Amino acid sequence: ALAALLGDQAKGLSANTISRLKQHWIDDHRRWCQ
């Protein structure tokens, strides 16, 4: 997916980075619910 944007030199996001993003999404949903 990132190669489509940045070319073949693009590096995929790590699992740890995805985990952090998931926490951001959880926080976003909590705020939206309030």
PDB file of all heavy atoms in Angstrom:
ATOM      1  N   ALA A   1       0.818  -1.206   0.000  1.00  0.00           N
ATOM      2  CA  ALA A   1       0.000   0.000   0.000  1.00  0.00           C
ATOM      3  C   ALA A   1       0.855   1.260   0.000  1.00  0.00           C
ATOM      4  O   ALA A   1       0.607   2.208  -0.747  1.00  0.00           O
ATOM      5  CB  ALA A   1      -0.931  -0.002   1.221  1.00  0.00           C
ATOM      6  N   LEU A   2       1.887   1.274   0.837  1.00  0.00           N
ATOM      7  CA  LEU A   2       2.750   2.453   0.889  1.00  0.00           C
ATOM      8  C   LEU A   2       3.597   2.574  -0.365  1.00  0.00           C
ATOM      9  O   LEU A   2       3.938   3.684  -0.790  1.00  0.00           O
ATOM     10  CB  LEU A   2       3.652   2.385   2.130  1.00  0.00           C
ATOM     11  CG  LEU A   2       2.931   2.640   3.457  1.00  0.00           C
ATOM     12  CD1 LEU A   2       3.885   2.394   4.620  1.00  0.00           C
ATOM     13  CD2 LEU A   2       2.393   4.054   3.513  1.00  0.00           C
ATOM     14  N   ALA A   3       3.928   1.431  -0.977  1.00  0.00           N
ATOM     15  CA  ALA A   3       4.703   1.484  -2.213  1.00  0.00           C
ATOM     16  C   ALA A   3       3.934   2.199  -3.314  1.00  0.00           C
ATOM     17  O   ALA A   3       4.512   2.866  -4.171  1.00  0.00           O
ATOM     18  CB  ALA A   3       5.065   0.071  -2.663  1.00  0.00           C
ATOM     19  N   ALA A   4       2.589   2.090  -3.279  1.00  0.00           N
ATOM     20  CA  ALA A   4       1.773   2.773  -4.272  1.00  0.00           C
ATOM     21  C   ALA A   4       1.915   4.285  -4.152  1.00  0.00           C
ATOM     22  O   ALA A   4       1.781   5.013  -5.131  1.00  0.00           O
ATOM     23  CB  ALA A   4       0.308   2.369  -4.107  1.00  0.00           C
ATOM     24  N   LEU A   5       2.223   4.754  -2.940  1.00  0.00           N
ATOM     25  CA  LEU A   5       2.383   6.187  -2.716  1.00  0.00           C
ATOM     26  C   LEU A   5       3.823   6.636  -2.847  1.00  0.00           C
ATOM     27  O   LEU A   5       4.134   7.604  -3.537  1.00  0.00           O
ATOM     28  CB  LEU A   5       1.871   6.543  -1.305  1.00  0.00           C
ATOM     29  CG  LEU A   5       2.213   7.955  -0.795  1.00  0.00           C
ATOM     30  CD1 LEU A   5       1.522   9.001  -1.663  1.00  0.00           C
ATOM     31  CD2 LEU A   5       1.804   8.098   0.651  1.00  0.00           C
ATOM     32  N   LEU A   6       4.724   5.902  -2.200  1.00  0.00           N
ATOM     33  CA  LEU A   6       6.094   6.375  -2.052  1.00  0.00           C
ATOM     34  C   LEU A   6       7.084   5.685  -2.972  1.00  0.00           C
ATOM     35  O   LEU A   6       8.253   6.039  -2.990  1.00  0.00           O
ATOM     36  CB  LEU A   6       6.552   6.180  -0.597  1.00  0.00           C
ATOM     37  CG  LEU A   6       5.635   6.787   0.473  1.00  0.00           C
ATOM     38  CD1 LEU A   6       6.170   6.465   1.850  1.00  0.00           C
ATOM     39  CD2 LEU A   6       5.508   8.287   0.286  1.00  0.00           C
ATOM     40  N   GLY A   7       6.618   4.673  -3.705  1.00  0.00           N
ATOM     41  CA  GLY A   7       7.545   3.943  -4.551  1.00  0.00           C
ATOM     42  C   GLY A   7       8.061   2.707  -3.841  1.00  0.00           C
ATOM     43  O   GLY A   7       7.752   2.434  -2.683  1.00  0.00           O
ATOM     44  N   ASP A   8       8.892   1.967  -4.516  1.00  0.00           N
ATOM     45  CA  ASP A   8       9.382   0.701  -3.982  1.00  0.00           C
ATOM     46  C   ASP A   8      10.268   0.869  -2.759  1.00  0.00           C
ATOM     47  O   ASP A   8      10.528  -0.092  -2.033  1.00  0.00           O
ATOM     48  CB  ASP A   8      10.152  -0.063  -5.060  1.00  0.00           C
ATOM     49  CG  ASP A   8       9.245  -0.507  -6.195  1.00  0.00           C
ATOM     50  OD1 ASP A   8       8.027  -0.622  -5.947  1.00  0.00           O
ATOM     51  OD2 ASP A   8       9.741  -0.730  -7.314  1.00  0.00           O
ATOM     52  N   GLN A   9      10.769   2.098  -2.531  1.00  0.00           N
ATOM     53  CA  GLN A   9      11.645   2.302  -1.384  1.00  0.00           C
ATOM     54  C   GLN A   9      10.867   2.474  -0.078  1.00  0.00           C
ATOM     55  O   GLN A   9      11.465   2.603   0.985  1.00  0.00           O
ATOM     56  CB  GLN A   9      12.513   3.541  -1.617  1.00  0.00           C
ATOM     57  CG  GLN A   9      13.409   3.441  -2.849  1.00  0.00           C
ATOM     58  CD  GLN A   9      14.212   4.715  -3.046  1.00  0.00           C
ATOM     59  OE1 GLN A   9      14.555   5.407  -2.094  1.00  0.00           O
ATOM     60  NE2 GLN A   9      14.516   5.029  -4.295  1.00  0.00           N
ATOM     61  N   ALA A  10       9.534   2.505  -0.179  1.00  0.00           N
ATOM     62  CA  ALA A  10       8.718   2.731   1.020  1.00  0.00           C
ATOM     63  C   ALA A  10       8.867   1.584   2.009  1.00  0.00           C
ATOM     64  O   ALA A  10       9.002   0.430   1.642  1.00  0.00           O
ATOM     65  CB  ALA A  10       7.259   2.879   0.624  1.00  0.00           C
ATOM     66  N   LYS A  11       8.812   1.930   3.271  1.00  0.00           N
ATOM     67  CA  LYS A  11       8.884   0.929   4.318  1.00  0.00           C
ATOM     68  C   LYS A  11       7.514   0.805   4.983  1.00  0.00           C
ATOM     69  O   LYS A  11       6.870   1.793   5.273  1.00  0.00           O
ATOM     70  CB  LYS A  11       9.925   1.323   5.369  1.00  0.00           C
ATOM     71  CG  LYS A  11      11.343   1.403   4.828  1.00  0.00           C
ATOM     72  CD  LYS A  11      12.298   1.825   5.924  1.00  0.00           C
ATOM     73  CE  LYS A  11      13.730   1.914   5.419  1.00  0.00           C
ATOM     74  NZ  LYS A  11      14.664   2.324   6.481  1.00  0.00           N
ATOM     75  N   GLY A  12       7.084  -0.408   5.225  1.00  0.00           N
ATOM     76  CA  GLY A  12       5.806  -0.605   5.892  1.00  0.00           C
ATOM     77  C   GLY A  12       5.882  -0.216   7.361  1.00  0.00           C
ATOM     78  O   GLY A  12       6.948  -0.238   7.989  1.00  0.00           O
ATOM     79  N   LEU A  13       4.757   0.151   7.926  1.00  0.00           N
ATOM     80  CA  LEU A  13       4.703   0.488   9.342  1.00  0.00           C
ATOM     81  C   LEU A  13       4.841  -0.777  10.171  1.00  0.00           C
ATOM     82  O   LEU A  13       4.296  -1.812   9.833  1.00  0.00           O
ATOM     83  CB  LEU A  13       3.386   1.173   9.667  1.00  0.00           C
ATOM     84  CG  LEU A  13       3.162   2.535   9.012  1.00  0.00           C
ATOM     85  CD1 LEU A  13       1.774   3.042   9.351  1.00  0.00           C
ATOM     86  CD2 LEU A  13       4.210   3.524   9.459  1.00  0.00           C
ATOM     87  N   SER A  14       5.515  -0.665  11.295  1.00  0.00           N
ATOM     88  CA  SER A  14       5.737  -1.828  12.142  1.00  0.00           C
ATOM     89  C   SER A  14       4.487  -2.159  12.939  1.00  0.00           C
ATOM     90  O   SER A  14       3.574  -1.348  13.086  1.00  0.00           O
ATOM     91  CB  SER A  14       6.888  -1.552  13.106  1.00  0.00           C
ATOM     92  OG  SER A  14       6.492  -0.583  14.071  1.00  0.00           O
ATOM     93  N   ALA A  15       4.473  -3.353  13.499  1.00  0.00           N
ATOM     94  CA  ALA A  15       3.339  -3.780  14.314  1.00  0.00           C
ATOM     95  C   ALA A  15       3.186  -2.887  15.533  1.00  0.00           C
ATOM     96  O   ALA A  15       2.072  -2.578  15.967  1.00  0.00           O
ATOM     97  CB  ALA A  15       3.527  -5.237  14.735  1.00  0.00           C
ATOM     98  N   ASN A  16       4.309  -2.437  16.108  1.00  0.00           N
ATOM     99  CA  ASN A  16       4.249  -1.549  17.271  1.00  0.00           C
ATOM    100  C   ASN A  16       3.610  -0.213  16.915  1.00  0.00           C
ATOM    101  O   ASN A  16       2.853   0.365  17.701  1.00  0.00           O
ATOM    102  CB  ASN A  16       5.651  -1.311  17.831  1.00  0.00           C
ATOM    103  CG  ASN A  16       6.195  -2.515  18.565  1.00  0.00           C
ATOM    104  OD1 ASN A  16       5.424  -3.363  19.009  1.00  0.00           O
ATOM    105  ND2 ASN A  16       7.506  -2.601  18.698  1.00  0.00           N
ATOM    106  N   THR A  17       3.929   0.282  15.735  1.00  0.00           N
ATOM    107  CA  THR A  17       3.339   1.542  15.303  1.00  0.00           C
ATOM    108  C   THR A  17       1.838   1.393  15.125  1.00  0.00           C
ATOM    109  O   THR A  17       1.056   2.259  15.527  1.00  0.00           O
ATOM    110  CB  THR A  17       3.976   2.014  13.981  1.00  0.00           C
ATOM    111  OG1 THR A  17       5.386   2.127  14.159  1.00  0.00           O
ATOM    112  CG2 THR A  17       3.412   3.358  13.560  1.00  0.00           C
ATOM    113  N   ILE A  18       1.414   0.290  14.524  1.00  0.00           N
ATOM    114  CA  ILE A  18      -0.010   0.041  14.345  1.00  0.00           C
ATOM    115  C   ILE A  18      -0.713  -0.035  15.691  1.00  0.00           C
ATOM    116  O   ILE A  18      -1.822   0.476  15.867  1.00  0.00           O
ATOM    117  CB  ILE A  18      -0.245  -1.255  13.551  1.00  0.00           C
ATOM    118  CG1 ILE A  18       0.342  -1.120  12.150  1.00  0.00           C
ATOM    119  CG2 ILE A  18      -1.729  -1.579  13.474  1.00  0.00           C
ATOM    120  CD1 ILE A  18      -0.275  -0.014  11.338  1.00  0.00           C
ATOM    121  N   SER A  19      -0.077  -0.647  16.676  1.00  0.00           N
ATOM    122  CA  SER A  19      -0.671  -0.752  18.005  1.00  0.00           C
ATOM    123  C   SER A  19      -0.902   0.628  18.605  1.00  0.00           C
ATOM    124  O   SER A  19      -1.926   0.879  19.243  1.00  0.00           O
ATOM    125  CB  SER A  19       0.232  -1.580  18.927  1.00  0.00           C
ATOM    126  OG  SER A  19       0.323  -2.914  18.463  1.00  0.00           O
ATOM    127  N   ARG A  20       0.054   1.516  18.399  1.00  0.00           N
ATOM    128  CA  ARG A  20      -0.101   2.878  18.910  1.00  0.00           C
ATOM    129  C   ARG A  20      -1.243   3.606  18.201  1.00  0.00           C
ATOM    130  O   ARG A  20      -2.003   4.354  18.819  1.00  0.00           O
ATOM    131  CB  ARG A  20       1.202   3.654  18.751  1.00  0.00           C
ATOM    132  CG  ARG A  20       2.322   3.149  19.644  1.00  0.00           C
ATOM    133  CD  ARG A  20       3.571   4.005  19.511  1.00  0.00           C
ATOM    134  NE  ARG A  20       4.627   3.514  20.384  1.00  0.00           N
ATOM    135  CZ  ARG A  20       4.723   3.799  21.676  1.00  0.00           C
ATOM    136  NH1 ARG A  20       3.817   4.583  22.226  1.00  0.00           N
ATOM    137  NH2 ARG A  20       5.698   3.313  22.402  1.00  0.00           N
ATOM    138  N   LEU A  21      -1.349   3.381  16.914  1.00  0.00           N
ATOM    139  CA  LEU A  21      -2.433   4.017  16.164  1.00  0.00           C
ATOM    140  C   LEU A  21      -3.790   3.493  16.634  1.00  0.00           C
ATOM    141  O   LEU A  21      -4.753   4.258  16.737  1.00  0.00           O
ATOM    142  CB  LEU A  21      -2.259   3.757  14.674  1.00  0.00           C
ATOM    143  CG  LEU A  21      -1.129   4.540  13.999  1.00  0.00           C
ATOM    144  CD1 LEU A  21      -0.962   4.089  12.567  1.00  0.00           C
ATOM    145  CD2 LEU A  21      -1.386   6.033  14.068  1.00  0.00           C
ATOM    146  N   LYS A  22      -3.865   2.200  16.929  1.00  0.00           N
ATOM    147  CA  LYS A  22      -5.119   1.647  17.437  1.00  0.00           C
ATOM    148  C   LYS A  22      -5.541   2.360  18.715  1.00  0.00           C
ATOM    149  O   LYS A  22      -6.730   2.627  18.923  1.00  0.00           O
ATOM    150  CB  LYS A  22      -4.963   0.146  17.700  1.00  0.00           C
ATOM    151  CG  LYS A  22      -4.956  -0.720  16.448  1.00  0.00           C
ATOM    152  CD  LYS A  22      -4.820  -2.185  16.824  1.00  0.00           C
ATOM    153  CE  LYS A  22      -4.795  -3.074  15.596  1.00  0.00           C
ATOM    154  NZ  LYS A  22      -4.618  -4.510  15.944  1.00  0.00           N
ATOM    155  N   GLN A  23      -4.580   2.662  19.575  1.00  0.00           N
ATOM    156  CA  GLN A  23      -4.910   3.368  20.812  1.00  0.00           C
ATOM    157  C   GLN A  23      -5.443   4.759  20.510  1.00  0.00           C
ATOM    158  O   GLN A  23      -6.362   5.245  21.181  1.00  0.00           O
ATOM    159  CB  GLN A  23      -3.673   3.452  21.719  1.00  0.00           C
ATOM    160  CG  GLN A  23      -3.976   4.051  23.095  1.00  0.00           C
ATOM    161  CD  GLN A  23      -5.029   3.257  23.840  1.00  0.00           C
ATOM    162  OE1 GLN A  23      -4.928   2.036  23.982  1.00  0.00           O
ATOM    163  NE2 GLN A  23      -6.066   3.941  24.332  1.00  0.00           N
ATOM    164  N   HIS A  24      -4.881   5.422  19.495  1.00  0.00           N
ATOM    165  CA  HIS A  24      -5.402   6.726  19.081  1.00  0.00           C
ATOM    166  C   HIS A  24      -6.855   6.583  18.630  1.00  0.00           C
ATOM    167  O   HIS A  24      -7.701   7.432  18.948  1.00  0.00           O
ATOM    168  CB  HIS A  24      -4.569   7.313  17.951  1.00  0.00           C
ATOM    169  CG  HIS A  24      -3.275   7.930  18.382  1.00  0.00           C
ATOM    170  ND1 HIS A  24      -3.204   8.950  19.306  1.00  0.00           N
ATOM    171  CD2 HIS A  24      -1.998   7.675  18.008  1.00  0.00           C
ATOM    172  CE1 HIS A  24      -1.942   9.297  19.488  1.00  0.00           C
ATOM    173  NE2 HIS A  24      -1.188   8.541  18.716  1.00  0.00           N
ATOM    174  N   TRP A  25      -7.163   5.520  17.896  1.00  0.00           N
ATOM    175  CA  TRP A  25      -8.529   5.324  17.408  1.00  0.00           C
ATOM    176  C   TRP A  25      -9.486   5.080  18.573  1.00  0.00           C
ATOM    177  O   TRP A  25     -10.615   5.566  18.564  1.00  0.00           O
ATOM    178  CB  TRP A  25      -8.583   4.152  16.432  1.00  0.00           C
ATOM    179  CG  TRP A  25      -7.651   4.306  15.272  1.00  0.00           C
ATOM    180  CD1 TRP A  25      -7.182   5.481  14.750  1.00  0.00           C
ATOM    181  CD2 TRP A  25      -7.067   3.262  14.498  1.00  0.00           C
ATOM    182  NE1 TRP A  25      -6.336   5.221  13.702  1.00  0.00           N
ATOM    183  CE2 TRP A  25      -6.242   3.874  13.525  1.00  0.00           C
ATOM    184  CE3 TRP A  25      -7.153   1.879  14.520  1.00  0.00           C
ATOM    185  CZ2 TRP A  25      -5.529   3.144  12.586  1.00  0.00           C
ATOM    186  CZ3 TRP A  25      -6.438   1.148  13.597  1.00  0.00           C
ATOM    187  CH2 TRP A  25      -5.640   1.782  12.642  1.00  0.00           C
ATOM    188  N   ILE A  26      -9.024   4.329  19.567  1.00  0.00           N
ATOM    189  CA  ILE A  26      -9.843   4.086  20.760  1.00  0.00           C
ATOM    190  C   ILE A  26     -10.144   5.405  21.458  1.00  0.00           C
ATOM    191  O   ILE A  26     -11.282   5.686  21.851  1.00  0.00           O
ATOM    192  CB  ILE A  26      -9.128   3.114  21.711  1.00  0.00           C
ATOM    193  CG1 ILE A  26      -9.088   1.705  21.092  1.00  0.00           C
ATOM    194  CG2 ILE A  26      -9.820   3.070  23.071  1.00  0.00           C
ATOM    195  CD1 ILE A  26      -8.228   0.717  21.862  1.00  0.00           C
ATOM    196  N   ASP A  27      -9.116   6.245  21.613  1.00  0.00           N
ATOM    197  CA  ASP A  27      -9.305   7.545  22.259  1.00  0.00           C
ATOM    198  C   ASP A  27     -10.240   8.441  21.440  1.00  0.00           C
ATOM    199  O   ASP A  27     -11.077   9.161  22.007  1.00  0.00           O
ATOM    200  CB  ASP A  27      -7.955   8.238  22.448  1.00  0.00           C
ATOM    201  CG  ASP A  27      -7.050   7.497  23.422  1.00  0.00           C
ATOM    202  OD1 ASP A  27      -7.573   6.693  24.225  1.00  0.00           O
ATOM    203  OD2 ASP A  27      -5.819   7.707  23.373  1.00  0.00           O
ATOM    204  N   ASP A  28     -10.104   8.393  20.117  1.00  0.00           N
ATOM    205  CA  ASP A  28     -10.980   9.184  19.247  1.00  0.00           C
ATOM    206  C   ASP A  28     -12.440   8.779  19.435  1.00  0.00           C
ATOM    207  O   ASP A  28     -13.326   9.629  19.510  1.00  0.00           O
ATOM    208  CB  ASP A  28     -10.600   8.990  17.768  1.00  0.00           C
ATOM    209  CG  ASP A  28      -9.338   9.732  17.388  1.00  0.00           C
ATOM    210  OD1 ASP A  28      -8.902  10.595  18.175  1.00  0.00           O
ATOM    211  OD2 ASP A  28      -8.783   9.434  16.311  1.00  0.00           O
ATOM    212  N   HIS A  29     -12.690   7.476  19.498  1.00  0.00           N
ATOM    213  CA  HIS A  29     -14.067   7.001  19.664  1.00  0.00           C
ATOM    214  C   HIS A  29     -14.620   7.398  21.021  1.00  0.00           C
ATOM    215  O   HIS A  29     -15.801   7.789  21.137  1.00  0.00           O
ATOM    216  CB  HIS A  29     -14.129   5.478  19.497  1.00  0.00           C
ATOM    217  CG  HIS A  29     -15.503   4.919  19.658  1.00  0.00           C
ATOM    218  ND1 HIS A  29     -15.867   4.102  20.714  1.00  0.00           N
ATOM    219  CD2 HIS A  29     -16.624   5.085  18.915  1.00  0.00           C
ATOM    220  CE1 HIS A  29     -17.134   3.790  20.594  1.00  0.00           C
ATOM    221  NE2 HIS A  29     -17.621   4.359  19.515  1.00  0.00           N
ATOM    222  N   ARG A  30     -13.807   7.335  22.054  1.00  0.00           N
ATOM    223  CA  ARG A  30     -14.263   7.741  23.389  1.00  0.00           C
ATOM    224  C   ARG A  30     -14.678   9.202  23.392  1.00  0.00           C
ATOM    225  O   ARG A  30     -15.718   9.565  23.955  1.00  0.00           O
ATOM    226  CB  ARG A  30     -13.149   7.507  24.410  1.00  0.00           C
ATOM    227  CG  ARG A  30     -12.911   6.042  24.754  1.00  0.00           C
ATOM    228  CD  ARG A  30     -11.694   5.909  25.643  1.00  0.00           C
ATOM    229  NE  ARG A  30     -11.446   4.524  26.025  1.00  0.00           N
ATOM    230  CZ  ARG A  30     -10.318   4.102  26.586  1.00  0.00           C
ATOM    231  NH1 ARG A  30      -9.329   4.980  26.812  1.00  0.00           N
ATOM    232  NH2 ARG A  30     -10.156   2.843  26.901  1.00  0.00           N
ATOM    233  N   ARG A  31     -13.855  10.058  22.774  1.00  0.00           N
ATOM    234  CA  ARG A  31     -14.193  11.482  22.716  1.00  0.00           C
ATOM    235  C   ARG A  31     -15.469  11.710  21.907  1.00  0.00           C
ATOM    236  O   ARG A  31     -16.315  12.520  22.283  1.00  0.00           O
ATOM    237  CB  ARG A  31     -13.035  12.283  22.116  1.00  0.00           C
ATOM    238  CG  ARG A  31     -11.845  12.461  23.050  1.00  0.00           C
ATOM    239  CD  ARG A  31     -10.847  13.460  22.487  1.00  0.00           C
ATOM    240  NE  ARG A  31     -10.206  12.952  21.280  1.00  0.00           N
ATOM    241  CZ  ARG A  31      -9.072  12.274  21.290  1.00  0.00           C
ATOM    242  NH1 ARG A  31      -8.458  12.001  22.425  1.00  0.00           N
ATOM    243  NH2 ARG A  31      -8.540  11.847  20.150  1.00  0.00           N
ATOM    244  N   TRP A  32     -15.611  10.994  20.794  1.00  0.00           N
ATOM    245  CA  TRP A  32     -16.790  11.144  19.941  1.00  0.00           C
ATOM    246  C   TRP A  32     -18.052  10.734  20.691  1.00  0.00           C
ATOM    247  O   TRP A  32     -19.109  11.362  20.532  1.00  0.00           O
ATOM    248  CB  TRP A  32     -16.604  10.289  18.690  1.00  0.00           C
ATOM    249  CG  TRP A  32     -17.721  10.379  17.706  1.00  0.00           C
ATOM    250  CD1 TRP A  32     -17.962  11.377  16.805  1.00  0.00           C
ATOM    251  CD2 TRP A  32     -18.768   9.412  17.516  1.00  0.00           C
ATOM    252  NE1 TRP A  32     -19.083  11.090  16.071  1.00  0.00           N
ATOM    253  CE2 TRP A  32     -19.600   9.888  16.466  1.00  0.00           C
ATOM    254  CE3 TRP A  32     -19.068   8.185  18.106  1.00  0.00           C
ATOM    255  CZ2 TRP A  32     -20.714   9.187  16.031  1.00  0.00           C
ATOM    256  CZ3 TRP A  32     -20.179   7.484  17.666  1.00  0.00           C
ATOM    257  CH2 TRP A  32     -20.977   7.994  16.640  1.00  0.00           C
ATOM    258  N   CYS A  33     -17.944   9.715  21.532  1.00  0.00           N
ATOM    259  CA  CYS A  33     -19.098   9.241  22.291  1.00  0.00           C
ATOM    260  C   CYS A  33     -19.525  10.229  23.379  1.00  0.00           C
ATOM    261  O   CYS A  33     -20.615  10.088  23.945  1.00  0.00           O
ATOM    262  CB  CYS A  33     -18.793   7.881  22.932  1.00  0.00           C
ATOM    263  SG  CYS A  33     -18.775   6.506  21.759  1.00  0.00           S
ATOM    264  N   GLN A  34     -18.683  11.210  23.678  1.00  0.00           N
ATOM    265  CA  GLN A  34     -19.011  12.212  24.689  1.00  0.00           C
ATOM    266  C   GLN A  34     -19.333  13.573  24.082  1.00  0.00           C
ATOM    267  O   GLN A  34     -19.524  14.547  24.809  1.00  0.00           O
ATOM    268  CB  GLN A  34     -17.835  12.354  25.668  1.00  0.00           C
ATOM    269  CG  GLN A  34     -17.508  11.089  26.440  1.00  0.00           C
ATOM    270  CD  GLN A  34     -18.696  10.585  27.242  1.00  0.00           C
ATOM    271  OE1 GLN A  34     -19.393  11.365  27.891  1.00  0.00           O
ATOM    272  NE2 GLN A  34     -18.933   9.275  27.213  1.00  0.00           N
TER     273      GLN A  34
END
